[in-house]
């Protein structure tokens, strides 16, 4: 499963702030982490936070694209759309 995420590093605390819709009209999950965007620290914190929220092992979540951008695509093994909705609520536009 792929998940679009907008990451805010140095966000003060690790938190998942819910869904938003980007300028392109596609939904993404807003996430903030306390880690700085240095040497992959923020990406590692993001992967760990999402894995914990989905009750998956840390190794099941990886940044598939956007490693140095705010908007990232996560690849998550062993979950489906129902699991994402259960953990984060339904994305905007979902029926």
Protein backbone atom coordinates (compact mmCIF):
# COMPACT_ATOMS: atom_id res chain seq x y z
CA UNK A 1 0.00 0.00 0.00
CA UNK A 2 1.26 3.50 -0.80
CA UNK A 3 0.50 6.49 1.39
CA UNK A 4 1.16 10.16 0.60
CA UNK A 5 2.44 12.11 3.61
CA UNK A 6 3.33 15.76 4.13
CA UNK A 7 6.05 15.80 6.78
CA UNK A 8 6.94 18.71 9.04
CA UNK A 9 10.32 18.09 10.70
CA UNK A 10 11.17 19.89 13.95
CA UNK A 11 7.43 19.99 14.62
CA UNK A 12 7.89 20.06 18.38
CA UNK A 13 6.53 16.57 18.94
CA UNK A 14 5.73 13.41 17.01
CA UNK A 15 2.08 13.52 15.91
CA UNK A 16 -0.26 12.55 13.11
CA UNK A 17 -2.42 15.60 12.43
CA UNK A 18 -4.98 14.04 10.10
CA UNK A 19 -5.82 14.26 6.43
CA UNK A 20 -5.55 17.23 4.07
CA UNK A 21 -6.01 17.72 0.34
CA UNK A 22 -3.11 19.04 -1.72
CA UNK A 23 -3.24 21.56 -4.53
CA UNK A 24 -3.44 18.64 -6.95
CA UNK A 25 -6.67 17.48 -5.27
CA UNK A 26 -5.16 14.31 -3.84
CA UNK A 27 -5.35 13.51 -0.12
CA UNK A 28 -2.28 13.21 2.06
CA UNK A 29 -1.67 12.58 5.73
CA UNK A 30 -0.18 15.49 7.71
CA UNK A 31 2.55 14.32 10.09
CA UNK A 32 5.03 16.17 12.27
CA UNK A 33 8.09 14.85 14.03
CA UNK A 34 10.46 16.41 16.52
CA UNK A 35 13.53 15.17 14.65
CA UNK A 36 15.46 17.54 12.37
CA UNK A 37 15.73 16.90 8.62
CA UNK A 38 19.38 15.89 8.95
CA UNK A 39 20.92 12.60 7.81
CA UNK A 40 17.51 10.94 7.46
CA UNK A 41 16.49 11.48 11.10
CA UNK A 42 13.08 12.97 10.24
CA UNK A 43 12.35 10.19 7.72
CA UNK A 44 13.28 7.52 10.27
CA UNK A 45 11.01 9.15 12.87
CA UNK A 46 8.19 9.29 10.29
CA UNK A 47 8.56 5.61 9.43
CA UNK A 48 8.58 4.63 13.11
CA UNK A 49 5.53 6.78 13.94
CA UNK A 50 3.43 5.44 11.04
CA UNK A 51 4.48 1.85 11.79
CA UNK A 52 3.42 2.26 15.42
CA UNK A 53 0.06 3.80 14.46
CA UNK A 54 -0.62 0.90 12.07
CA UNK A 55 0.66 -1.71 14.57
CA UNK A 56 3.20 -2.93 12.03
CA UNK A 57 6.90 -3.60 12.49
CA UNK A 58 9.14 -0.63 11.78
CA UNK A 59 10.63 -2.53 8.82
CA UNK A 60 7.21 -2.62 7.09
CA UNK A 61 7.27 1.16 6.43
CA UNK A 62 9.74 2.80 4.05
CA UNK A 63 9.99 6.14 2.26
CA UNK A 64 9.55 5.11 -1.38
CA UNK A 65 9.96 8.62 -2.83
CA UNK A 66 10.49 12.18 -1.68
CA UNK A 67 13.27 11.47 0.81
CA UNK A 68 14.40 15.12 0.73
CA UNK A 69 10.99 16.70 0.05
CA UNK A 70 8.15 17.55 2.41
CA UNK A 71 5.67 15.47 0.40
CA UNK A 72 6.67 11.82 0.60
CA UNK A 73 5.26 8.53 -0.58
CA UNK A 74 5.48 5.73 1.97
CA UNK A 75 5.39 2.08 0.99
CA UNK A 76 3.69 0.06 3.72
CA UNK A 77 3.67 -3.73 3.71
CA UNK A 78 0.79 -5.76 5.07
CA UNK A 79 -1.92 -3.08 5.19
CA UNK A 80 -4.86 -2.08 3.01
CA UNK A 81 -7.18 0.92 2.72
CA UNK A 82 -9.34 -0.38 5.59
CA UNK A 83 -6.30 -0.52 7.89
CA UNK A 84 -5.35 3.05 6.94
CA UNK A 85 -8.90 4.32 7.61
CA UNK A 86 -8.99 2.51 10.94
CA UNK A 87 -5.71 4.08 12.07
CA UNK A 88 -6.05 7.59 10.59
CA UNK A 89 -9.73 8.00 9.74
CA UNK A 90 -11.12 7.95 6.21
CA UNK A 91 -9.27 10.16 3.72
CA UNK A 92 -11.15 13.12 2.24
CA UNK A 93 -13.36 12.04 -0.62
CA UNK A 94 -13.58 8.41 0.52
CA UNK A 95 -17.05 6.94 0.45
